[in-house]
Protein backbone atom coordinates (compact mmCIF):
# COMPACT_ATOMS: atom_id res chain seq x y z
CA UNK A 1 0.70 128.97 260.06
CA UNK A 2 3.51 129.75 262.44
CA UNK A 3 6.10 132.39 261.66
CA UNK A 4 9.65 131.06 261.32
CA UNK A 5 11.29 133.89 263.23
CA UNK A 6 9.12 133.31 266.27
CA UNK A 7 9.47 129.57 266.22
CA UNK A 8 13.27 129.57 265.81
CA UNK A 9 14.20 130.74 269.30
CA UNK A 10 11.63 128.62 271.12
CA UNK A 11 12.65 125.54 269.12
CA UNK A 12 16.29 126.07 270.05
CA UNK A 13 15.34 126.32 273.73
CA UNK A 14 13.34 123.11 273.55
CA UNK A 15 16.16 121.33 271.72
CA UNK A 16 18.68 122.52 274.31
CA UNK A 17 16.46 121.19 277.08
CA UNK A 18 15.98 117.84 275.40
CA UNK A 19 19.67 117.40 274.46
CA UNK A 20 21.37 114.35 276.00
CA UNK A 21 23.67 115.09 278.94
CA UNK A 22 27.21 113.80 278.73
CA UNK A 23 28.25 112.05 281.96
CA UNK A 24 31.70 110.46 282.41
CA UNK A 25 32.39 110.36 278.71
CA UNK A 26 29.10 108.71 277.82
CA UNK A 27 25.69 109.95 276.77
CA UNK A 28 22.54 109.43 278.71
CA UNK A 29 19.20 110.79 277.62
CA UNK A 30 17.31 112.57 280.33
CA UNK A 31 13.54 112.43 280.65
CA UNK A 32 11.55 115.29 279.13
CA UNK A 33 10.01 116.28 282.45
CA UNK A 34 13.31 116.31 284.31
CA UNK A 35 15.30 119.50 283.78
CA UNK A 36 18.89 119.80 284.87
CA UNK A 37 20.25 123.31 285.29
CA UNK A 38 23.10 123.91 282.89
CA UNK A 39 26.29 125.30 284.36
CA UNK A 40 27.99 127.44 281.77
CA UNK A 41 31.42 128.55 282.90
CA UNK A 42 32.71 131.75 281.44
CA UNK A 43 36.15 132.08 279.91
CA UNK A 44 39.03 133.75 281.65
CA UNK A 45 39.91 137.22 280.46
CA UNK A 46 43.04 139.26 281.21
CA UNK A 47 42.56 141.52 284.21
CA UNK A 48 39.18 140.05 285.14
CA UNK A 49 38.44 137.39 287.76
CA UNK A 50 36.89 134.11 286.85
CA UNK A 51 33.14 134.47 286.77
CA UNK A 52 30.99 131.36 286.78
CA UNK A 53 27.31 131.90 286.11
CA UNK A 54 24.68 129.26 286.59
CA UNK A 55 21.40 129.92 284.80
CA UNK A 56 18.28 127.96 284.31
CA UNK A 57 17.86 127.05 280.65
CA UNK A 58 14.45 125.56 281.14
CA UNK A 59 12.56 128.84 280.87
CA UNK A 60 12.45 130.32 277.36
CA UNK A 61 12.79 134.04 276.80
CA UNK A 62 9.53 135.89 277.36
CA UNK A 63 9.51 138.42 274.51
CA UNK A 64 7.00 140.65 276.24
CA UNK A 65 9.38 141.26 279.15
CA UNK A 66 12.59 141.95 277.24
CA UNK A 67 12.08 145.70 277.44
CA UNK A 68 11.96 145.41 281.25
CA UNK A 69 15.26 143.57 281.54
CA UNK A 70 18.00 144.98 283.73
CA UNK A 71 21.73 144.56 283.38
CA UNK A 72 21.66 141.14 285.05
CA UNK A 73 18.97 139.76 282.74
CA UNK A 74 20.83 141.01 279.68
CA UNK A 75 24.01 139.36 280.98
CA UNK A 76 22.13 136.11 281.54
CA UNK A 77 20.83 136.26 277.97
CA UNK A 78 24.36 136.80 276.64
CA UNK A 79 25.67 133.83 278.64
CA UNK A 80 22.77 131.68 277.42
CA UNK A 81 23.78 132.52 273.86
CA UNK A 82 27.37 131.36 274.69
CA UNK A 83 29.05 134.73 274.15
CA UNK A 84 32.47 135.44 275.60
CA UNK A 85 33.03 137.22 278.88
CA UNK A 86 34.51 140.16 277.00
CA UNK A 87 31.18 140.79 275.28
CA UNK A 88 29.27 140.13 278.51
CA UNK A 89 31.36 142.61 280.49
CA UNK A 90 31.12 145.07 277.59
CA UNK A 91 27.34 145.05 277.80
CA UNK A 92 27.46 145.67 281.55
CA UNK A 93 30.08 148.41 281.18
CA UNK A 94 28.07 150.21 278.49
CA UNK A 95 24.88 149.94 280.61
CA UNK A 96 22.96 147.99 277.98
CA UNK A 97 19.68 147.01 279.57
CA UNK A 98 16.62 145.47 277.88
CA UNK A 99 15.29 148.70 276.40
CA UNK A 100 18.68 149.65 274.97
CA UNK A 101 19.14 146.10 273.67
CA UNK A 102 15.98 146.40 271.57
CA UNK A 103 17.16 149.71 270.10
CA UNK A 104 20.61 148.53 269.01
CA UNK A 105 21.33 148.64 265.29
CA UNK A 106 23.98 146.98 263.17
CA UNK A 107 26.07 150.15 263.25
CA UNK A 108 25.95 150.12 267.05
CA UNK A 109 27.12 146.50 267.15
CA UNK A 110 29.93 147.28 264.71
CA UNK A 111 30.97 150.24 266.89
CA UNK A 112 31.74 147.89 269.78
CA UNK A 113 34.84 146.70 267.93
CA UNK A 114 35.84 149.53 265.62
CA UNK A 115 34.94 152.61 267.69
CA UNK A 116 34.99 151.44 271.33
CA UNK A 117 38.02 149.14 270.80
CA UNK A 118 36.65 146.04 272.50
CA UNK A 119 38.71 142.95 271.66
CA UNK A 120 35.91 141.08 269.92
CA UNK A 121 36.46 138.69 267.06
CA UNK A 122 34.69 139.24 263.78
CA UNK A 123 32.80 135.95 264.01
CA UNK A 124 31.51 136.67 267.50
CA UNK A 125 30.43 140.13 266.40
CA UNK A 126 28.36 138.67 263.56
CA UNK A 127 26.88 136.00 265.83
CA UNK A 128 25.95 138.67 268.37
CA UNK A 129 24.17 140.70 265.69
CA UNK A 130 22.38 137.59 264.42
CA UNK A 131 21.12 136.69 267.91
CA UNK A 132 20.20 140.31 268.62
CA UNK A 133 18.24 140.74 265.39
CA UNK A 134 16.44 137.46 266.08
CA UNK A 135 15.49 138.69 269.55
CA UNK A 136 14.33 142.06 268.22
CA UNK A 137 12.26 140.37 265.52
CA UNK A 138 10.74 138.03 268.09
CA UNK A 139 9.70 140.93 270.33
CA UNK A 140 8.40 142.98 267.42
CA UNK A 141 6.25 140.22 265.93
CA UNK A 142 4.86 138.80 269.16
CA UNK A 143 4.45 141.57 271.70
CA UNK A 144 5.09 145.03 270.25
CA UNK A 145 1.96 147.04 269.54
CA UNK A 146 1.54 150.02 267.23
CA UNK A 147 1.90 152.40 270.18
CA UNK A 148 5.06 150.83 271.63
CA UNK A 149 7.68 153.60 271.67
CA UNK A 150 10.55 151.13 272.02
CA UNK A 151 9.79 149.13 268.89
CA UNK A 152 8.64 152.15 266.90
CA UNK A 153 11.93 153.83 267.65
CA UNK A 154 13.90 150.84 266.50
CA UNK A 155 15.67 151.49 263.19
CA UNK A 156 17.16 148.49 261.49
CA UNK A 157 18.98 148.78 258.21
CA UNK A 158 18.01 146.76 255.22
CA UNK A 159 21.38 145.00 255.09
CA UNK A 160 20.85 143.20 258.39
CA UNK A 161 21.22 139.43 258.50
CA UNK A 162 17.99 137.68 257.48
CA UNK A 163 16.50 135.24 259.89
CA UNK A 164 15.39 131.74 259.14
CA UNK A 165 12.24 131.86 257.03
CA UNK A 166 9.05 129.97 257.48
CA UNK A 167 9.46 127.87 254.39
CA UNK A 168 10.99 124.87 256.25
CA UNK A 169 9.19 122.12 258.10
CA UNK A 170 6.61 123.18 260.58
CA UNK A 171 7.58 123.18 264.25
CA UNK A 172 5.33 122.58 267.24
CA UNK A 173 5.86 126.01 268.77
CA UNK A 174 2.94 128.13 269.80
CA UNK A 175 2.31 131.05 267.51
CA UNK A 176 1.34 134.43 268.99
CA UNK A 177 -2.24 135.50 268.48
CA UNK A 178 -2.67 137.59 265.33
CA UNK A 179 -3.08 141.29 265.80
CA UNK A 180 -6.61 142.48 264.97
CA UNK A 181 -6.88 144.50 261.80
CA UNK A 182 -8.44 147.89 262.16
CA UNK A 183 -9.64 150.17 259.41
CA UNK A 184 -8.48 153.81 259.43
CA UNK A 185 -11.10 156.52 259.60
CA UNK A 186 -10.11 158.01 256.24
CA UNK A 187 -10.99 154.84 254.30
CA UNK A 188 -14.56 154.70 253.04
CA UNK A 189 -14.44 151.12 251.67
CA UNK A 190 -13.16 149.33 254.79
CA UNK A 191 -13.95 145.79 253.60
CA UNK A 192 -11.91 146.11 250.42
CA UNK A 193 -9.11 147.85 252.29
CA UNK A 194 -8.77 144.97 254.76
CA UNK A 195 -9.08 142.35 252.01
CA UNK A 196 -6.37 143.90 249.86
CA UNK A 197 -4.03 144.56 252.80
CA UNK A 198 -2.72 147.60 254.59
CA UNK A 199 -0.13 148.33 251.92
CA UNK A 200 -2.74 148.54 249.18
CA UNK A 201 -5.10 151.33 248.20
CA UNK A 202 -8.84 150.77 248.44
CA UNK A 203 -10.78 151.49 245.22
CA UNK A 204 -13.43 153.67 246.93
CA UNK A 205 -16.06 153.75 244.21
CA UNK A 206 -18.01 156.61 245.76
CA UNK A 207 -15.03 158.96 245.53
CA UNK A 208 -14.53 157.97 241.90
CA UNK A 209 -18.19 158.71 241.22
CA UNK A 210 -17.78 162.10 242.90
CA UNK A 211 -14.81 162.98 240.67
CA UNK A 212 -16.77 161.81 237.62
CA UNK A 213 -19.65 164.08 238.61
CA UNK A 214 -17.23 166.97 239.07
CA UNK A 215 -15.78 166.43 235.59
CA UNK A 216 -19.28 166.03 234.13
CA UNK A 217 -20.43 169.38 235.53
CA UNK A 218 -17.27 171.13 234.31
CA UNK A 219 -17.69 169.79 230.76
CA UNK A 220 -21.23 171.14 230.69
CA UNK A 221 -20.01 174.54 231.86
CA UNK A 222 -17.29 174.45 229.20
CA UNK A 223 -19.79 173.68 226.45
CA UNK A 224 -22.04 176.51 227.55
CA UNK A 225 -19.12 178.96 227.70
CA UNK A 226 -18.08 177.90 224.19
CA UNK A 227 -21.53 178.94 222.97
CA UNK A 228 -21.17 182.32 224.68
CA UNK A 229 -17.70 183.03 223.27
CA UNK A 230 -18.86 182.07 219.79
CA UNK A 231 -21.46 184.83 220.04
CA UNK A 232 -18.69 187.27 221.00
CA UNK A 233 -16.12 186.29 218.37
CA UNK A 234 -14.59 189.45 216.75
CA UNK A 235 -15.53 190.32 213.20
CA UNK A 236 -12.92 189.02 210.78
CA UNK A 237 -13.12 192.13 208.57
CA UNK A 238 -12.42 194.52 211.44
CA UNK A 239 -10.04 192.26 213.39
CA UNK A 240 -7.70 190.23 211.13
CA UNK A 241 -5.57 187.35 212.52
CA UNK A 242 -2.86 188.38 214.96
CA UNK A 243 0.81 188.05 214.01
CA UNK A 244 2.21 184.63 214.97
CA UNK A 245 5.69 183.31 214.30
CA UNK A 246 4.62 179.71 213.64
CA UNK A 247 1.41 180.43 211.72
CA UNK A 248 3.10 183.01 209.51
CA UNK A 249 5.80 180.53 208.46
CA UNK A 250 3.88 177.25 208.20
CA UNK A 251 1.31 176.88 205.40
CA UNK A 252 -2.21 175.81 206.18
CA UNK A 253 -2.83 172.03 205.97
CA UNK A 254 -6.59 171.33 205.64
CA UNK A 255 -6.53 167.73 206.94
CA UNK A 256 -4.20 168.42 209.88
CA UNK A 257 -6.89 169.07 212.48
CA UNK A 258 -8.58 165.74 211.76
CA UNK A 259 -5.20 164.04 212.16
CA UNK A 260 -4.83 165.72 215.54
CA UNK A 261 -8.11 164.26 216.73
CA UNK A 262 -7.19 160.82 215.38
CA UNK A 263 -3.93 161.06 217.34
CA UNK A 264 -5.91 161.92 220.47
CA UNK A 265 -8.22 158.94 219.86
CA UNK A 266 -5.19 156.63 219.66
CA UNK A 267 -3.84 157.99 222.96
CA UNK A 268 -7.26 157.53 224.53
CA UNK A 269 -7.34 153.89 223.39
CA UNK A 270 -3.96 153.22 225.03
CA UNK A 271 -5.19 154.89 228.20
CA UNK A 272 -8.26 152.65 228.23
CA UNK A 273 -6.08 149.54 228.10
CA UNK A 274 -3.98 150.87 230.99
CA UNK A 275 -7.14 151.49 233.03
CA UNK A 276 -8.56 148.04 232.32
CA UNK A 277 -5.49 146.10 233.46
CA UNK A 278 -4.16 148.41 236.19
CA UNK A 279 -4.76 147.10 239.70
CA UNK A 280 -5.68 150.53 241.10
CA UNK A 281 -7.82 151.69 238.20
CA UNK A 282 -10.26 153.52 240.46
CA UNK A 283 -7.50 155.76 241.81
CA UNK A 284 -6.32 156.51 238.26
CA UNK A 285 -9.83 157.36 237.13
CA UNK A 286 -10.39 159.56 240.16
CA UNK A 287 -7.22 161.54 239.50
CA UNK A 288 -7.89 161.79 235.78
CA UNK A 289 -11.38 163.22 236.26
CA UNK A 290 -10.22 165.60 238.99
CA UNK A 291 -7.36 167.00 236.90
CA UNK A 292 -9.38 167.19 233.68
CA UNK A 293 -12.19 169.03 235.46
CA UNK A 294 -9.80 171.52 237.05
CA UNK A 295 -7.93 172.30 233.81
CA UNK A 296 -11.09 172.78 231.77
CA UNK A 297 -12.57 174.96 234.51
CA UNK A 298 -9.53 177.23 234.19
CA UNK A 299 -10.01 177.19 230.43
CA UNK A 300 -13.56 178.47 230.84
CA UNK A 301 -12.22 181.52 232.65
CA UNK A 302 -9.41 182.31 230.20
CA UNK A 303 -11.48 182.03 227.02
CA UNK A 304 -14.38 184.01 228.51
CA UNK A 305 -12.54 187.06 229.81
CA UNK A 306 -10.68 187.82 226.55
CA UNK A 307 -11.86 187.15 222.99
CA UNK A 308 -9.05 186.73 220.48
CA UNK A 309 -9.51 187.25 216.76
CA UNK A 310 -9.80 184.28 214.42
CA UNK A 311 -6.30 182.80 213.78
CA UNK A 312 -6.91 181.88 210.11
CA UNK A 313 -8.79 183.41 207.21
CA UNK A 314 -9.93 179.97 206.09
CA UNK A 315 -12.17 179.66 209.15
CA UNK A 316 -15.82 180.53 208.59
CA UNK A 317 -16.60 182.25 211.87
CA UNK A 318 -19.50 184.66 212.22
CA UNK A 319 -21.22 186.06 215.27
CA UNK A 320 -24.62 185.53 213.71
CA UNK A 321 -24.11 181.76 213.60
CA UNK A 322 -24.90 181.47 217.30
CA UNK A 323 -26.49 184.87 217.86
CA UNK A 324 -30.08 185.12 219.05
CA UNK A 325 -31.42 188.10 217.09
CA UNK A 326 -35.11 187.29 217.42
CA UNK A 327 -36.69 190.00 219.57
CA UNK A 328 -39.67 187.80 220.41
CA UNK A 329 -37.50 185.30 222.29
CA UNK A 330 -37.51 185.95 226.03
CA UNK A 331 -34.67 185.22 228.43
CA UNK A 332 -35.85 181.69 229.18
CA UNK A 333 -36.19 180.86 225.50
CA UNK A 334 -32.69 182.19 224.80
CA UNK A 335 -31.33 180.04 227.64
CA UNK A 336 -33.03 176.98 226.19
CA UNK A 337 -31.52 177.66 222.75
CA UNK A 338 -28.03 178.09 224.23
CA UNK A 339 -28.39 174.91 226.26
CA UNK A 340 -29.43 173.03 223.12
CA UNK A 341 -26.33 174.24 221.28
CA UNK A 342 -24.19 173.41 224.31
CA UNK A 343 -25.58 169.87 224.26
CA UNK A 344 -24.50 169.46 220.64
CA UNK A 345 -20.97 170.50 221.56
CA UNK A 346 -20.95 168.30 224.67
CA UNK A 347 -22.30 165.21 222.91
CA UNK A 348 -19.74 165.60 220.13
CA UNK A 349 -16.88 166.02 222.69
CA UNK A 350 -15.96 169.28 220.93
CA UNK A 351 -14.35 167.35 218.05
CA UNK A 352 -14.58 168.41 214.44
CA UNK A 353 -14.79 164.79 213.26
CA UNK A 354 -18.06 164.66 215.24
CA UNK A 355 -19.40 167.67 213.36
CA UNK A 356 -18.66 170.30 216.03
CA UNK A 357 -17.40 173.66 214.75
CA UNK A 358 -16.86 176.50 217.21
CA UNK A 359 -14.97 179.78 217.18
CA UNK A 360 -13.65 182.09 219.86
CA UNK A 361 -12.45 179.37 222.28
CA UNK A 362 -8.76 179.99 221.64
CA UNK A 363 -7.06 180.72 224.95
CA UNK A 364 -6.15 178.00 225.68
CA UNK A 365 -6.34 174.92 223.45
CA UNK A 366 -8.64 172.15 224.71
CA UNK A 367 -7.18 169.63 222.25
CA UNK A 368 -3.70 170.24 223.64
CA UNK A 369 -5.03 169.72 227.16
CA UNK A 370 -6.51 166.34 226.23
CA UNK A 371 -3.35 165.19 224.42
CA UNK A 372 -1.06 166.23 227.28
CA UNK A 373 -3.19 164.71 230.02
CA UNK A 374 -3.41 161.37 228.23
CA UNK A 375 0.35 161.35 227.57
CA UNK A 376 1.28 162.13 231.17
CA UNK A 377 -1.13 159.62 232.68
CA UNK A 378 0.06 156.82 230.39
CA UNK A 379 3.74 157.46 231.14
CA UNK A 380 3.11 157.83 234.89
CA UNK A 381 1.08 154.68 235.42
CA UNK A 382 3.00 152.23 233.24
CA UNK A 383 6.33 150.56 234.13
CA UNK A 384 9.45 152.65 233.59
CA UNK A 385 11.08 150.03 231.37
CA UNK A 386 8.42 150.37 228.65
CA UNK A 387 10.57 152.81 226.70
CA UNK A 388 8.84 152.13 223.39
CA UNK A 389 5.39 152.94 224.79
CA UNK A 390 6.58 156.13 226.49
CA UNK A 391 8.38 157.29 223.37
CA UNK A 392 5.27 156.58 221.29
CA UNK A 393 2.99 158.57 223.59
CA UNK A 394 5.36 161.56 223.60
CA UNK A 395 5.58 161.46 219.80
CA UNK A 396 1.79 161.34 219.53
CA UNK A 397 1.54 164.28 221.90
CA UNK A 398 4.04 166.41 219.97
CA UNK A 399 2.63 165.50 216.57
CA UNK A 400 -0.88 166.29 217.80
CA UNK A 401 0.28 169.76 218.84
CA UNK A 402 1.97 170.22 215.47
CA UNK A 403 -1.23 169.24 213.65
CA UNK A 404 -3.20 171.83 215.66
CA UNK A 405 -0.84 174.58 214.60
CA UNK A 406 -0.60 173.32 211.02
CA UNK A 407 -4.37 173.49 210.72
CA UNK A 408 -4.25 177.14 211.92
CA UNK A 409 -6.98 176.37 214.48
CA UNK A 410 -5.12 177.98 217.40
CA UNK A 411 -2.40 180.51 218.00
CA UNK A 412 0.98 179.29 219.20
CA UNK A 413 0.41 180.94 222.56
CA UNK A 414 -2.79 178.88 222.99
CA UNK A 415 -0.90 175.63 222.57
CA UNK A 416 2.06 176.66 224.73
CA UNK A 417 -0.10 177.85 227.64
CA UNK A 418 -2.26 174.71 227.44
CA UNK A 419 0.77 172.39 227.59
CA UNK A 420 2.39 174.33 230.42
CA UNK A 421 -0.69 174.58 232.62
CA UNK A 422 -1.66 170.93 232.10
CA UNK A 423 1.82 169.55 232.77
CA UNK A 424 2.36 171.76 235.84
CA UNK A 425 -0.97 170.88 237.40
CA UNK A 426 -0.29 167.19 236.79
CA UNK A 427 3.11 167.41 238.48
CA UNK A 428 1.84 169.54 241.39
CA UNK A 429 -1.07 167.18 242.01
CA UNK A 430 1.07 164.05 242.07
CA UNK A 431 3.77 165.70 244.17
CA UNK A 432 1.23 166.56 246.83
CA UNK A 433 -0.47 163.16 246.58
CA UNK A 434 2.81 161.25 246.92
CA UNK A 435 4.06 163.33 249.87
CA UNK A 436 1.63 163.61 252.76
CA UNK A 437 3.77 166.18 254.59
CA UNK A 438 3.63 168.59 251.64
CA UNK A 439 -0.11 168.17 251.36
CA UNK A 440 -0.60 168.97 255.04
CA UNK A 441 1.69 172.03 255.00
CA UNK A 442 0.14 173.40 251.78
CA UNK A 443 -3.46 172.62 252.67
CA UNK A 444 -4.77 176.12 251.91
CA UNK A 445 -3.07 176.29 248.53
CA UNK A 446 -4.26 172.77 247.78
CA UNK A 447 -7.91 173.72 248.30
CA UNK A 448 -7.58 176.55 245.80
CA UNK A 449 -5.88 174.73 242.94
CA UNK A 450 -7.38 171.27 243.44
CA UNK A 451 -10.95 171.22 244.76
CA UNK A 452 -11.77 168.20 246.92
CA UNK A 453 -8.11 167.07 246.75
CA UNK A 454 -7.97 166.22 250.47
CA UNK A 455 -11.13 164.15 250.15
CA UNK A 456 -10.00 162.25 247.03
CA UNK A 457 -6.48 161.49 248.30
CA UNK A 458 -7.22 160.87 251.98
CA UNK A 459 -6.69 157.10 251.75
CA UNK A 460 -3.56 157.21 249.55
CA UNK A 461 -0.48 157.12 251.76
CA UNK A 462 2.22 157.22 249.08
CA UNK A 463 3.06 156.46 245.48
CA UNK A 464 0.50 154.26 243.78
CA UNK A 465 2.40 151.13 242.61
CA UNK A 466 2.15 150.16 238.96
CA UNK A 467 0.72 146.69 239.43
CA UNK A 468 -1.37 145.08 236.72
CA UNK A 469 -3.93 142.30 236.63
CA UNK A 470 -3.75 139.43 234.22
CA UNK A 471 -6.69 138.52 232.05
CA UNK A 472 -7.61 135.63 234.35
CA UNK A 473 -7.53 137.70 237.54
CA UNK A 474 -9.47 140.44 235.76
CA UNK A 475 -12.23 138.00 234.80
CA UNK A 476 -12.28 136.53 238.33
CA UNK A 477 -12.55 140.00 239.83
CA UNK A 478 -15.39 140.88 237.46
CA UNK A 479 -17.26 137.70 238.37
CA UNK A 480 -16.75 138.42 242.07
CA UNK A 481 -18.15 141.92 241.62
CA UNK A 482 -21.18 140.52 239.76
CA UNK A 483 -21.89 138.00 242.51
CA UNK A 484 -21.36 140.66 245.16
CA UNK A 485 -23.86 142.97 243.43
CA UNK A 486 -26.30 140.07 243.10
CA UNK A 487 -26.01 139.24 246.80
CA UNK A 488 -26.55 142.86 247.74
CA UNK A 489 -29.64 143.12 245.56
CA UNK A 490 -31.13 139.87 246.82
CA UNK A 491 -30.34 140.79 250.42
CA UNK A 492 -31.98 144.17 250.01
CA UNK A 493 -35.05 142.64 248.37
CA UNK A 494 -35.34 140.03 251.13
CA UNK A 495 -35.08 142.65 253.88
CA UNK A 496 -37.70 144.80 252.12
CA UNK A 497 -40.05 141.83 251.83
CA UNK A 498 -39.58 140.90 255.50
CA UNK A 499 -40.26 144.47 256.60
CA UNK A 500 -43.44 144.54 254.55
CA UNK A 501 -44.58 141.25 256.05
CA UNK A 502 -43.84 142.38 259.58
CA UNK A 503 -45.61 145.70 259.09
CA UNK A 504 -48.66 143.98 257.58
CA UNK A 505 -48.86 141.50 260.46
CA UNK A 506 -48.49 144.21 263.07
CA UNK A 507 -51.19 146.38 261.47
CA UNK A 508 -53.61 143.45 261.19
CA UNK A 509 -53.01 142.48 264.79
CA UNK A 510 -53.43 146.06 266.04
CA UNK A 511 -56.58 146.95 264.10
CA UNK A 512 -58.05 143.50 264.66
CA UNK A 513 -57.62 143.77 268.41
CA UNK A 514 -59.18 147.25 268.51
CA UNK A 515 -62.13 146.11 266.38
CA UNK A 516 -62.75 143.05 268.56
CA UNK A 517 -62.63 145.12 271.72
CA UNK A 518 -65.11 147.62 270.24
CA UNK A 519 -67.49 144.86 269.14
CA UNK A 520 -67.37 143.13 272.50
CA UNK A 521 -68.02 146.31 274.48
CA UNK A 522 -70.80 147.52 272.14
CA UNK A 523 -72.65 144.20 272.12
CA UNK A 524 -72.55 143.95 275.89
CA UNK A 525 -73.94 147.48 276.27
CA UNK A 526 -76.78 146.71 273.83
CA UNK A 527 -77.72 143.57 275.70
CA UNK A 528 -77.73 145.38 279.02
CA UNK A 529 -79.97 148.15 277.62
CA UNK A 530 -82.43 145.68 276.13
CA UNK A 531 -82.64 143.58 279.30
CA UNK A 532 -83.22 146.63 281.52
CA UNK A 533 -86.00 147.90 279.26
CA UNK A 534 -88.03 144.70 278.92
CA UNK A 535 -86.89 142.75 281.97
CA UNK A 536 -86.13 139.75 279.86
CA UNK A 537 -83.28 138.78 277.52
CA UNK A 538 -83.13 140.60 274.21
CA UNK A 539 -83.20 137.40 272.16
CA UNK A 540 -83.21 133.70 273.04
CA UNK A 541 -79.85 133.21 271.43
CA UNK A 542 -78.29 136.09 273.37
CA UNK A 543 -79.80 134.80 276.63
CA UNK A 544 -78.51 131.30 276.03
CA UNK A 545 -75.07 132.62 275.18
CA UNK A 546 -74.99 134.86 278.25
CA UNK A 547 -76.02 132.04 280.58
CA UNK A 548 -73.89 129.34 279.02
CA UNK A 549 -70.60 131.28 278.89
CA UNK A 550 -68.89 132.75 281.95
CA UNK A 551 -68.26 136.45 282.28
CA UNK A 552 -64.80 137.96 282.53
CA UNK A 553 -63.60 141.21 284.04
CA UNK A 554 -62.42 143.74 281.46
CA UNK A 555 -59.25 145.69 281.86
CA UNK A 556 -61.23 148.95 282.09
CA UNK A 557 -63.32 147.70 284.96
CA UNK A 558 -66.32 146.46 282.90
CA UNK A 559 -67.46 142.96 282.10
CA UNK A 560 -66.99 141.41 278.70
CA UNK A 561 -68.46 138.28 277.27
CA UNK A 562 -65.88 135.56 276.74
CA UNK A 563 -68.07 134.02 274.08
CA UNK A 564 -67.27 136.97 271.85
CA UNK A 565 -63.50 136.38 272.08
CA UNK A 566 -62.27 135.68 268.53
CA UNK A 567 -59.58 133.32 269.91
CA UNK A 568 -62.05 131.19 271.88
CA UNK A 569 -63.44 127.89 270.66
CA UNK A 570 -67.05 129.18 270.62
CA UNK A 571 -66.67 131.12 267.39
CA UNK A 572 -69.95 129.88 265.93
CA UNK A 573 -72.02 131.16 268.87
CA UNK A 574 -70.17 134.47 268.67
CA UNK A 575 -71.05 134.84 265.01
CA UNK A 576 -74.71 134.09 265.69
CA UNK A 577 -74.79 136.57 268.56
CA UNK A 578 -73.29 139.34 266.45
CA UNK A 579 -75.64 138.60 263.56
CA UNK A 580 -78.68 139.12 265.85
CA UNK A 581 -77.53 142.56 267.04
CA UNK A 582 -79.12 145.21 264.73
CA UNK A 583 -76.54 147.96 265.29
CA UNK A 584 -73.61 145.67 264.70
CA UNK A 585 -75.23 144.33 261.57
CA UNK A 586 -75.44 147.87 260.17
CA UNK A 587 -71.78 148.50 261.06
CA UNK A 588 -70.83 145.33 259.25
CA UNK A 589 -72.64 146.51 256.10
CA UNK A 590 -70.81 149.83 256.21
């Protein structure tokens, strides 16, 4: 389909050529193949002589040569567009050649009247900008490449006059050949990137799997560290709870911690719906796993280096619950026991409603980390006008933190540090991801705080748009993925089967040829030995075969019997000959 901006100028040129010429007050249509040069007289200006230019209107503007225009070609273009001599002389006076013409902006055109004081009417000024923008668009769409410094340096404002769109009737102009799409080196899923368009973000499933693996490893490390810190929890009789402003003034609520986990489950459900319908769900998952893994890895360090006392007397925490006091258990057995306990914590997601009870993992709160991450991701990747949803997620986050403190499961400092670290890391990560210049200048700091950040965000060139799929497009995409996986599996199975067939045929041909060559050479040597010893043929059958079939020269310089060729028509005589040779008969039995 032809672009309207490109077709507009060429169509006008063709219409101007085919327009009827007025002669002596009448109209007479000229033939299409006969072109009459149009004489366009210029208007008379004060202080300037009369200038009459005669140009050929038969040749349309070649967009690929506009940048090479001189002052005369630019003046011819202005006269062809029927501009006044004031504007034509202005362009020559200001030394506007083809390259400068392509770099003019709307502010530059406006400056011709208001800053340089040329006596140009407002209507002519607007028409000049309309023709200029059409010419710039024509050059940019048809001939300018990505490395063209002229068109890359062109800066047009968004309030420029729009050109005629391509929604009208189709015109017979020739469209320029489409530019080939190339895939950048930083994109791993090139096919999806080209299918979705350059402005989109490729899903890149392998990177998402890498971030999932990173988060998986960190959760295992966290579970194992929680087992270690439970063994090191201070004795409640020797180390009572530390003074805390909030805990000392808020009574203990037994059911509050379960309410906190229910609040987190509700936030997680909302986040699942956002992931399902978001167009760039793979990018969201990749960032969620990367941030969650980094925050919980920091939590492993903070809760391991310092063991705080139990925050509430209602908690039944004892070192002997997880201690390994059996002297008969070796180091490997103790490691197996700790890994088993870590698996119980990991499988239960560290939640009390799943039957997980741990002590000593206070600095900082893992529940607060989960609540804050879910809240920030939901508010970031949903439209800004969903005020009710954003208010709900913030209320759930704050109430979840209140329930943690009301249950006396953590100190206030645990909750505050968890919220601050999680929110800051979220903001730092997205600031670097949305601004490529900051990421490049802070590359060393990025590697420290966000492992594999440069790898995960290499294909994201800006802010991820909040675009969502409908239920129909989601089902269509799922079906397409299923068929794509099916085609890949069937293609792989077919290639494997073909390789097996080719390898089997090649091995049969190779070993068969070697065996036939050995049999032919051995049988000939046996017959020669027998004939030399007795002076007669070894057997009547062998003599008849040797006399009836011609001999052929072997590649090694010897003579082989053509009757023994497995591809010859005398296969029956060959079988009889081989059956009468004693040594070959023994080889066949083996």
